[in-house]
């Protein structure tokens, strides 16, 4: 029995290839898609290796509404981070692409290496005893480079990429 707060049922057309217009307009459906698809156990294409070819190159993007940052580290490795300072959650980079020697928070100027390690902050010597920079590195998302295509899930509960893409990897390789 429907509750008073439930959204109305969709009236699906008889043809399988038609989608009701309200699917694209209802907030409840959008929120469920965010949770199930974007923040759920799904891999997403977030970049191509060619978009960050050199150390220091970065690309800001999103998985759903969650900001992410794809960064080519000084060690040659590409990483995917949550694009949020570990202090107050402010986005570190808001422009779509660029090159940087480190990642600085525009709010309180916390600084992070291209590998995601906290490097410092103003007046860090006045922080409470026991504060450890190694506890405040950027949140790194799982990711995998498959033939130059960078995949990342937002969820930690996602199966490995090879299983997820079963049978599709030869097409990506071509």
N, C-alpha and C. Protein backbone atom coordinates (compact mmCIF):
# COMPACT_ATOMS: atom_id res chain seq x y z
N UNK A 1 0.85 -1.19 0.00
CA UNK A 1 0.00 0.00 0.00
C UNK A 1 0.89 1.25 0.00
N UNK A 2 0.73 2.16 -0.93
CA UNK A 2 1.58 3.36 -0.99
C UNK A 2 1.37 4.26 0.21
N UNK A 3 2.46 4.90 0.61
CA UNK A 3 2.37 5.86 1.72
C UNK A 3 2.07 7.24 1.16
N UNK A 4 1.72 8.16 2.04
CA UNK A 4 1.37 9.52 1.63
C UNK A 4 2.57 10.26 1.04
N UNK A 5 3.80 9.87 1.44
CA UNK A 5 5.00 10.57 0.96
C UNK A 5 5.61 9.92 -0.27
N UNK A 6 5.09 8.78 -0.68
CA UNK A 6 5.68 8.08 -1.83
C UNK A 6 5.40 8.85 -3.12
N UNK A 7 6.38 8.79 -4.02
CA UNK A 7 6.20 9.41 -5.33
C UNK A 7 5.22 8.57 -6.14
N UNK A 8 4.50 9.17 -7.06
CA UNK A 8 3.55 8.41 -7.88
C UNK A 8 4.27 7.39 -8.76
N UNK A 9 3.59 6.31 -9.04
CA UNK A 9 4.13 5.29 -9.94
C UNK A 9 4.29 5.89 -11.34
N UNK A 10 5.25 5.38 -12.07
CA UNK A 10 5.44 5.83 -13.44
C UNK A 10 4.50 5.09 -14.37
N UNK A 11 4.02 5.76 -15.36
CA UNK A 11 3.17 5.16 -16.38
C UNK A 11 4.05 4.82 -17.57
N UNK A 12 4.50 3.56 -17.64
CA UNK A 12 5.42 3.15 -18.69
C UNK A 12 4.66 2.87 -19.98
N UNK A 13 5.16 3.36 -21.10
CA UNK A 13 4.53 3.08 -22.40
C UNK A 13 4.63 1.59 -22.73
N UNK A 14 3.84 1.17 -23.68
CA UNK A 14 3.84 -0.24 -24.07
C UNK A 14 5.12 -0.63 -24.80
N UNK A 15 5.71 0.31 -25.53
CA UNK A 15 6.92 0.02 -26.30
C UNK A 15 8.13 0.00 -25.36
N UNK A 16 8.96 -1.04 -25.47
CA UNK A 16 10.10 -1.20 -24.57
C UNK A 16 11.16 -0.11 -24.73
N UNK A 17 11.21 0.53 -25.88
CA UNK A 17 12.25 1.52 -26.13
C UNK A 17 11.82 2.95 -25.83
N UNK A 18 10.68 3.13 -25.18
CA UNK A 18 10.21 4.45 -24.80
C UNK A 18 10.37 4.61 -23.29
N UNK A 19 10.82 5.76 -22.89
CA UNK A 19 11.02 6.04 -21.47
C UNK A 19 10.14 7.23 -21.10
N UNK A 20 9.40 7.11 -20.01
CA UNK A 20 8.56 8.25 -19.60
C UNK A 20 9.42 9.48 -19.34
N UNK A 21 8.99 10.62 -19.83
CA UNK A 21 9.74 11.88 -19.69
C UNK A 21 10.04 12.20 -18.22
N UNK A 22 9.12 11.88 -17.32
CA UNK A 22 9.32 12.24 -15.92
C UNK A 22 10.49 11.49 -15.27
N UNK A 23 10.98 10.42 -15.89
CA UNK A 23 12.16 9.74 -15.38
C UNK A 23 13.33 10.73 -15.28
N UNK A 24 13.36 11.67 -16.20
CA UNK A 24 14.46 12.64 -16.26
C UNK A 24 14.18 13.90 -15.44
N UNK A 25 13.03 13.96 -14.80
CA UNK A 25 12.63 15.17 -14.09
C UNK A 25 12.37 14.97 -12.60
N UNK A 26 12.18 13.74 -12.16
CA UNK A 26 11.82 13.49 -10.77
C UNK A 26 13.04 13.43 -9.87
N UNK A 27 13.03 14.22 -8.83
CA UNK A 27 14.14 14.28 -7.90
C UNK A 27 14.36 12.95 -7.18
N UNK A 28 13.29 12.23 -6.83
CA UNK A 28 13.46 10.95 -6.12
C UNK A 28 14.20 9.93 -6.99
N UNK A 29 13.94 9.93 -8.29
CA UNK A 29 14.63 9.00 -9.19
C UNK A 29 16.09 9.42 -9.34
N UNK A 30 16.33 10.71 -9.46
CA UNK A 30 17.70 11.22 -9.56
C UNK A 30 18.51 10.83 -8.32
N UNK A 31 17.95 11.01 -7.14
CA UNK A 31 18.66 10.67 -5.89
C UNK A 31 18.95 9.17 -5.82
N UNK A 32 17.99 8.34 -6.25
CA UNK A 32 18.23 6.89 -6.26
C UNK A 32 19.33 6.52 -7.25
N UNK A 33 19.36 7.19 -8.40
CA UNK A 33 20.42 6.93 -9.37
C UNK A 33 21.79 7.30 -8.80
N UNK A 34 21.86 8.43 -8.11
CA UNK A 34 23.12 8.81 -7.49
C UNK A 34 23.60 7.72 -6.54
N UNK A 35 22.72 7.27 -5.64
CA UNK A 35 23.09 6.26 -4.65
C UNK A 35 23.41 4.91 -5.27
N UNK A 36 22.59 4.46 -6.18
CA UNK A 36 22.77 3.11 -6.74
C UNK A 36 23.85 3.04 -7.81
N UNK A 37 23.93 4.05 -8.64
CA UNK A 37 24.86 3.99 -9.77
C UNK A 37 26.17 4.71 -9.44
N UNK A 38 26.10 5.99 -9.16
CA UNK A 38 27.33 6.77 -9.00
C UNK A 38 28.06 6.49 -7.70
N UNK A 39 27.34 6.32 -6.59
CA UNK A 39 28.00 6.05 -5.31
C UNK A 39 27.93 4.58 -4.94
N UNK A 40 27.28 3.78 -5.76
CA UNK A 40 27.17 2.34 -5.54
C UNK A 40 28.34 1.60 -6.14
N UNK A 41 28.22 0.28 -6.24
CA UNK A 41 29.34 -0.56 -6.69
C UNK A 41 29.52 -0.59 -8.21
N UNK A 42 29.76 0.55 -8.80
CA UNK A 42 29.94 0.66 -10.26
C UNK A 42 31.26 1.36 -10.57
N UNK A 43 31.94 0.89 -11.61
CA UNK A 43 33.13 1.56 -12.10
C UNK A 43 32.71 2.65 -13.10
N UNK A 44 33.42 3.77 -13.10
CA UNK A 44 33.12 4.88 -14.01
C UNK A 44 34.39 5.28 -14.76
N UNK A 45 34.23 5.60 -16.03
CA UNK A 45 35.36 6.17 -16.77
C UNK A 45 35.49 7.62 -16.31
N UNK A 46 36.66 7.97 -15.77
CA UNK A 46 36.84 9.33 -15.26
C UNK A 46 37.86 10.14 -16.05
N UNK A 47 38.65 9.46 -16.88
CA UNK A 47 39.68 10.20 -17.61
C UNK A 47 40.34 9.27 -18.62
N UNK A 48 41.16 9.87 -19.45
CA UNK A 48 42.07 9.12 -20.31
C UNK A 48 43.47 9.59 -19.96
N UNK A 49 44.40 8.67 -19.99
CA UNK A 49 45.79 9.00 -19.62
C UNK A 49 46.31 10.23 -20.38
N UNK A 50 45.84 10.45 -21.60
CA UNK A 50 46.29 11.58 -22.41
C UNK A 50 45.85 12.92 -21.83
N UNK A 51 44.86 12.93 -20.93
CA UNK A 51 44.40 14.19 -20.34
C UNK A 51 45.33 14.71 -19.26
N UNK A 52 46.17 13.84 -18.71
CA UNK A 52 47.15 14.24 -17.69
C UNK A 52 48.50 13.60 -18.05
N UNK A 53 49.10 14.02 -19.16
CA UNK A 53 50.29 13.32 -19.67
C UNK A 53 51.58 13.54 -18.87
N UNK A 54 51.68 14.65 -18.15
CA UNK A 54 52.95 15.00 -17.50
C UNK A 54 52.79 15.12 -15.98
N UNK A 55 53.87 14.86 -15.23
CA UNK A 55 53.80 15.07 -13.79
C UNK A 55 53.32 16.49 -13.47
N UNK A 56 52.38 16.57 -12.55
CA UNK A 56 51.80 17.86 -12.16
C UNK A 56 50.49 18.17 -12.85
N UNK A 57 50.19 17.47 -13.95
CA UNK A 57 48.92 17.69 -14.65
C UNK A 57 47.77 17.13 -13.83
N UNK A 58 46.65 17.83 -13.83
CA UNK A 58 45.47 17.34 -13.12
C UNK A 58 44.22 17.64 -13.94
N UNK A 59 43.18 16.90 -13.61
CA UNK A 59 41.86 17.08 -14.21
C UNK A 59 40.84 17.00 -13.08
N UNK A 60 40.00 18.01 -12.97
CA UNK A 60 38.92 17.99 -11.98
C UNK A 60 37.66 17.48 -12.67
N UNK A 61 36.94 16.60 -12.00
CA UNK A 61 35.74 16.03 -12.57
C UNK A 61 34.78 15.65 -11.44
N UNK A 62 33.79 14.84 -11.77
CA UNK A 62 32.80 14.41 -10.79
C UNK A 62 32.44 12.96 -11.03
N UNK A 63 32.11 12.25 -9.98
CA UNK A 63 31.38 10.99 -10.05
C UNK A 63 30.06 11.32 -9.38
N UNK A 64 29.00 11.37 -10.18
CA UNK A 64 27.72 11.87 -9.67
C UNK A 64 27.90 13.34 -9.32
N UNK A 65 27.62 13.70 -8.08
CA UNK A 65 27.84 15.08 -7.61
C UNK A 65 29.10 15.20 -6.77
N UNK A 66 29.84 14.10 -6.61
CA UNK A 66 31.04 14.09 -5.78
C UNK A 66 32.25 14.56 -6.60
N UNK A 67 32.90 15.64 -6.19
CA UNK A 67 34.06 16.13 -6.94
C UNK A 67 35.26 15.20 -6.76
N UNK A 68 35.93 14.92 -7.88
CA UNK A 68 37.15 14.10 -7.84
C UNK A 68 38.27 14.85 -8.56
N UNK A 69 39.49 14.40 -8.34
CA UNK A 69 40.66 15.03 -8.93
C UNK A 69 41.58 13.93 -9.42
N UNK A 70 41.86 13.92 -10.72
CA UNK A 70 42.78 12.97 -11.31
C UNK A 70 44.12 13.69 -11.42
N UNK A 71 45.17 13.14 -10.80
CA UNK A 71 46.46 13.83 -10.70
C UNK A 71 47.58 12.92 -11.17
N UNK A 72 48.45 13.46 -12.02
CA UNK A 72 49.67 12.77 -12.45
C UNK A 72 50.77 13.16 -11.47
N UNK A 73 51.19 12.20 -10.63
CA UNK A 73 52.17 12.48 -9.58
C UNK A 73 53.58 12.62 -10.11
N UNK A 74 54.43 13.16 -9.26
CA UNK A 74 55.86 13.31 -9.61
C UNK A 74 56.50 11.94 -9.83
N UNK A 75 55.92 10.89 -9.25
CA UNK A 75 56.45 9.54 -9.41
C UNK A 75 55.98 8.88 -10.71
N UNK A 76 55.24 9.62 -11.55
CA UNK A 76 54.76 9.10 -12.82
C UNK A 76 53.43 8.37 -12.73
N UNK A 77 52.92 8.19 -11.53
CA UNK A 77 51.68 7.45 -11.33
C UNK A 77 50.48 8.40 -11.36
N UNK A 78 49.40 7.97 -12.02
CA UNK A 78 48.17 8.75 -12.02
C UNK A 78 47.30 8.23 -10.88
N UNK A 79 46.75 9.16 -10.10
CA UNK A 79 45.89 8.82 -8.96
C UNK A 79 44.57 9.56 -9.07
N UNK A 80 43.56 9.01 -8.39
CA UNK A 80 42.24 9.63 -8.34
C UNK A 80 41.94 9.91 -6.87
N UNK A 81 41.70 11.18 -6.57
CA UNK A 81 41.41 11.61 -5.20
C UNK A 81 40.01 12.20 -5.11
N UNK A 82 39.46 12.16 -3.92
CA UNK A 82 38.29 12.97 -3.64
C UNK A 82 38.80 14.41 -3.67
N UNK A 83 38.17 15.28 -4.43
CA UNK A 83 38.63 16.66 -4.58
C UNK A 83 38.11 17.48 -3.40
N UNK A 84 38.67 17.20 -2.22
CA UNK A 84 38.24 17.87 -1.00
C UNK A 84 39.38 17.89 0.00
N UNK A 85 39.63 19.05 0.57
CA UNK A 85 40.64 19.19 1.61
C UNK A 85 40.19 18.36 2.82
N UNK A 86 41.13 17.68 3.45
CA UNK A 86 40.79 16.85 4.61
C UNK A 86 40.54 17.68 5.86
N UNK A 87 40.71 18.98 5.79
CA UNK A 87 40.44 19.86 6.93
C UNK A 87 38.97 20.26 6.98
N UNK A 88 38.48 20.94 5.94
CA UNK A 88 37.10 21.43 5.93
C UNK A 88 36.31 21.02 4.69
N UNK A 89 36.90 20.17 3.85
CA UNK A 89 36.17 19.64 2.70
C UNK A 89 36.05 20.55 1.50
N UNK A 90 36.78 21.66 1.48
CA UNK A 90 36.73 22.60 0.36
C UNK A 90 37.41 21.97 -0.85
N UNK A 91 36.84 22.18 -2.05
CA UNK A 91 37.47 21.67 -3.27
C UNK A 91 38.85 22.28 -3.44
N UNK A 92 39.82 21.44 -3.74
CA UNK A 92 41.19 21.91 -3.94
C UNK A 92 41.35 22.58 -5.30
N UNK A 93 40.75 21.99 -6.32
CA UNK A 93 40.84 22.54 -7.67
C UNK A 93 39.42 22.68 -8.22
N UNK A 94 39.12 23.85 -8.77
CA UNK A 94 37.80 24.08 -9.34
C UNK A 94 37.85 24.27 -10.86
N UNK A 95 39.02 24.55 -11.39
CA UNK A 95 39.12 24.67 -12.85
C UNK A 95 39.24 23.26 -13.43
N UNK A 96 38.78 23.05 -14.65
CA UNK A 96 38.72 21.70 -15.21
C UNK A 96 40.07 21.00 -15.37
N UNK A 97 41.11 21.76 -15.72
CA UNK A 97 42.43 21.17 -15.94
C UNK A 97 43.51 22.16 -15.58
N UNK A 98 44.69 21.63 -15.36
CA UNK A 98 45.81 22.51 -15.09
C UNK A 98 47.06 21.72 -14.75
N UNK A 99 48.07 22.45 -14.32
CA UNK A 99 49.33 21.87 -13.89
C UNK A 99 49.70 22.53 -12.57
N UNK A 100 50.18 21.74 -11.63
CA UNK A 100 50.53 22.27 -10.31
C UNK A 100 51.72 21.51 -9.76
N UNK A 101 52.47 22.14 -8.87
CA UNK A 101 53.58 21.45 -8.20
C UNK A 101 53.11 20.83 -6.90
N UNK A 102 51.98 21.32 -6.38
CA UNK A 102 51.32 20.73 -5.22
C UNK A 102 49.86 21.15 -5.23
N UNK A 103 49.09 20.66 -4.29
CA UNK A 103 47.67 20.95 -4.22
C UNK A 103 47.41 21.76 -2.95
N UNK A 104 46.97 23.00 -3.12
CA UNK A 104 46.74 23.89 -1.98
C UNK A 104 45.25 24.16 -1.80
N UNK A 105 44.79 24.08 -0.56
CA UNK A 105 43.41 24.40 -0.26
C UNK A 105 43.25 25.92 -0.26
N UNK A 106 42.27 26.43 -1.00
CA UNK A 106 42.08 27.88 -1.04
C UNK A 106 41.48 28.46 0.24
N UNK A 107 40.99 27.61 1.14
CA UNK A 107 40.31 28.09 2.34
C UNK A 107 41.30 28.40 3.48
N UNK A 108 42.01 27.38 3.96
CA UNK A 108 42.96 27.58 5.04
C UNK A 108 44.41 27.28 4.64
N UNK A 109 44.64 27.09 3.33
CA UNK A 109 45.99 26.92 2.77
C UNK A 109 46.69 25.64 3.20
N UNK A 110 45.94 24.59 3.54
CA UNK A 110 46.60 23.31 3.76
C UNK A 110 47.19 22.88 2.43
N UNK A 111 48.35 22.24 2.47
CA UNK A 111 49.07 21.88 1.26
C UNK A 111 49.27 20.36 1.20
N UNK A 112 49.10 19.82 -0.02
CA UNK A 112 49.23 18.38 -0.24
C UNK A 112 50.15 18.15 -1.42
N UNK A 113 50.90 17.05 -1.37
CA UNK A 113 51.74 16.67 -2.50
C UNK A 113 50.86 16.12 -3.62
N UNK A 114 51.43 15.97 -4.79
CA UNK A 114 50.71 15.40 -5.92
C UNK A 114 50.38 13.93 -5.67
N UNK A 115 51.00 13.33 -4.67
CA UNK A 115 50.72 11.95 -4.29
C UNK A 115 49.68 11.87 -3.17
N UNK A 116 49.16 13.04 -2.76
CA UNK A 116 48.07 13.09 -1.78
C UNK A 116 48.48 13.23 -0.33
N UNK A 117 49.76 13.33 -0.05
CA UNK A 117 50.23 13.45 1.34
C UNK A 117 50.11 14.89 1.82
N UNK A 118 49.67 15.06 3.07
CA UNK A 118 49.63 16.41 3.63
C UNK A 118 51.06 16.88 3.85
N UNK A 119 51.37 18.07 3.33
CA UNK A 119 52.73 18.60 3.44
C UNK A 119 52.85 19.64 4.55
N UNK A 120 51.78 20.42 4.75
CA UNK A 120 51.86 21.45 5.77
C UNK A 120 50.62 22.31 5.81
N UNK A 121 50.61 23.23 6.76
CA UNK A 121 49.51 24.17 6.94
C UNK A 121 50.05 25.38 7.69
N UNK A 122 49.44 26.55 7.50
CA UNK A 122 49.88 27.72 8.26
C UNK A 122 49.77 27.46 9.77
N UNK A 123 50.74 27.90 10.50
CA UNK A 123 50.81 27.75 11.96
C UNK A 123 50.67 26.30 12.42
N UNK A 124 51.19 25.36 11.63
CA UNK A 124 51.08 23.95 12.00
C UNK A 124 51.79 23.66 13.32
N UNK A 125 52.78 24.48 13.66
CA UNK A 125 53.49 24.30 14.93
C UNK A 125 52.57 24.55 16.13
N UNK A 126 51.46 25.25 15.91
CA UNK A 126 50.51 25.51 17.00
C UNK A 126 49.38 24.49 17.08
N UNK A 127 49.38 23.51 16.19
CA UNK A 127 48.33 22.47 16.22
C UNK A 127 48.49 21.65 17.50
N UNK A 128 47.44 20.98 17.93
CA UNK A 128 47.52 20.19 19.17
C UNK A 128 48.61 19.13 19.11
N UNK A 129 49.20 18.85 20.25
CA UNK A 129 50.19 17.79 20.33
C UNK A 129 49.52 16.48 19.90
N UNK A 130 50.21 15.71 19.16
CA UNK A 130 49.63 14.46 18.67
C UNK A 130 49.07 14.58 17.26
N UNK A 131 48.97 15.82 16.73
CA UNK A 131 48.52 15.99 15.35
C UNK A 131 49.57 15.38 14.44
N UNK A 132 49.13 14.52 13.52
CA UNK A 132 50.06 13.85 12.61
C UNK A 132 49.63 14.11 11.18
N UNK A 133 50.51 14.72 10.39
CA UNK A 133 50.20 15.02 8.98
C UNK A 133 49.81 13.76 8.22
N UNK A 134 50.43 12.64 8.55
CA UNK A 134 50.13 11.40 7.82
C UNK A 134 48.69 10.92 8.02
N UNK A 135 47.99 11.47 9.00
CA UNK A 135 46.57 11.12 9.21
C UNK A 135 45.62 11.99 8.38
N UNK A 136 46.15 12.98 7.66
CA UNK A 136 45.30 13.93 6.93
C UNK A 136 45.59 14.00 5.44
N UNK A 137 46.08 12.91 4.87
CA UNK A 137 46.29 12.86 3.43
C UNK A 137 44.95 12.85 2.70
N UNK A 138 44.98 13.13 1.41
CA UNK A 138 43.76 13.14 0.61
C UNK A 138 43.18 11.74 0.50
N UNK A 139 41.85 11.65 0.43
CA UNK A 139 41.20 10.35 0.26
C UNK A 139 41.43 9.91 -1.18
N UNK A 140 42.11 8.79 -1.33
CA UNK A 140 42.39 8.25 -2.65
C UNK A 140 41.35 7.20 -2.99
N UNK A 141 40.77 7.33 -4.17
CA UNK A 141 39.79 6.35 -4.63
C UNK A 141 40.51 5.21 -5.33
N UNK A 142 39.90 4.03 -5.30
CA UNK A 142 40.43 2.95 -6.12
C UNK A 142 40.34 3.38 -7.57
N UNK A 143 41.26 2.94 -8.38
CA UNK A 143 41.23 3.28 -9.80
C UNK A 143 42.05 2.25 -10.54
N UNK A 144 41.85 2.20 -11.82
CA UNK A 144 42.67 1.33 -12.65
C UNK A 144 42.79 1.94 -14.03
N UNK A 145 43.99 1.84 -14.57
CA UNK A 145 44.28 2.28 -15.93
C UNK A 145 44.17 1.04 -16.82
N UNK A 146 43.20 1.04 -17.72
CA UNK A 146 43.01 -0.06 -18.65
C UNK A 146 43.20 0.47 -20.06
N UNK A 147 44.37 0.21 -20.64
CA UNK A 147 44.70 0.66 -21.99
C UNK A 147 44.56 2.18 -22.13
N UNK A 148 44.95 2.91 -21.09
CA UNK A 148 44.90 4.37 -21.12
C UNK A 148 43.61 4.97 -20.61
N UNK A 149 42.59 4.16 -20.40
CA UNK A 149 41.32 4.65 -19.87
C UNK A 149 41.36 4.47 -18.35
N UNK A 150 41.11 5.58 -17.62
CA UNK A 150 41.15 5.54 -16.17
C UNK A 150 39.73 5.31 -15.64
N UNK A 151 39.56 4.23 -14.92
CA UNK A 151 38.29 3.87 -14.30
C UNK A 151 38.41 4.06 -12.79
N UNK A 152 37.32 4.49 -12.15
CA UNK A 152 37.30 4.62 -10.70
C UNK A 152 35.88 4.40 -10.18
N UNK A 153 35.73 3.68 -9.07
CA UNK A 153 34.44 3.60 -8.41
C UNK A 153 34.45 4.54 -7.21
N UNK A 154 33.29 5.05 -6.83
CA UNK A 154 33.25 5.88 -5.62
C UNK A 154 33.11 4.99 -4.38
N UNK A 155 32.53 3.81 -4.57
CA UNK A 155 32.32 2.87 -3.48
C UNK A 155 33.54 1.98 -3.29
N UNK A 156 33.82 1.62 -2.05
CA UNK A 156 34.90 0.67 -1.75
C UNK A 156 34.44 -0.77 -1.95
N UNK A 157 33.16 -0.98 -2.18
CA UNK A 157 32.59 -2.33 -2.27
C UNK A 157 32.47 -2.83 -3.71
N UNK A 158 33.11 -2.19 -4.65
CA UNK A 158 33.03 -2.56 -6.05
C UNK A 158 33.95 -3.74 -6.34
N UNK A 159 33.44 -4.68 -7.14
CA UNK A 159 34.26 -5.82 -7.52
C UNK A 159 35.44 -5.35 -8.37
N UNK A 160 36.41 -6.25 -8.61
CA UNK A 160 37.56 -5.86 -9.42
C UNK A 160 37.12 -5.53 -10.84
N UNK A 161 37.89 -4.69 -11.51
CA UNK A 161 37.52 -4.17 -12.83
C UNK A 161 37.40 -5.28 -13.88
N UNK A 162 38.30 -6.26 -13.85
CA UNK A 162 38.26 -7.33 -14.84
C UNK A 162 36.94 -8.10 -14.76
N UNK A 163 36.48 -8.39 -13.55
CA UNK A 163 35.20 -9.09 -13.37
C UNK A 163 34.06 -8.20 -13.82
N UNK A 164 34.12 -6.93 -13.44
CA UNK A 164 33.06 -5.98 -13.78
C UNK A 164 32.91 -5.84 -15.30
N UNK A 165 34.02 -5.80 -16.00
CA UNK A 165 34.01 -5.60 -17.46
C UNK A 165 34.09 -6.91 -18.24
N UNK A 166 33.73 -7.99 -17.61
CA UNK A 166 33.86 -9.31 -18.23
C UNK A 166 33.40 -9.30 -19.70
N UNK A 167 34.34 -9.64 -20.57
CA UNK A 167 34.04 -9.72 -22.00
C UNK A 167 34.17 -8.41 -22.76
N UNK A 168 34.36 -7.30 -22.08
CA UNK A 168 34.38 -5.99 -22.74
C UNK A 168 35.81 -5.49 -22.97
N UNK A 169 36.77 -5.97 -22.18
CA UNK A 169 38.13 -5.44 -22.26
C UNK A 169 38.76 -5.54 -23.66
N UNK A 170 38.48 -6.58 -24.47
CA UNK A 170 39.07 -6.58 -25.82
C UNK A 170 38.60 -5.40 -26.67
N UNK A 171 37.38 -4.96 -26.46
CA UNK A 171 36.87 -3.82 -27.22
C UNK A 171 37.56 -2.52 -26.77
N UNK A 172 37.83 -2.42 -25.49
CA UNK A 172 38.54 -1.23 -24.98
C UNK A 172 39.97 -1.22 -25.50
N UNK A 173 40.58 -2.39 -25.55
CA UNK A 173 41.96 -2.48 -26.04
C UNK A 173 42.06 -2.06 -27.49
N UNK A 174 41.07 -2.42 -28.31
CA UNK A 174 41.09 -2.03 -29.73
C UNK A 174 40.91 -0.55 -29.87
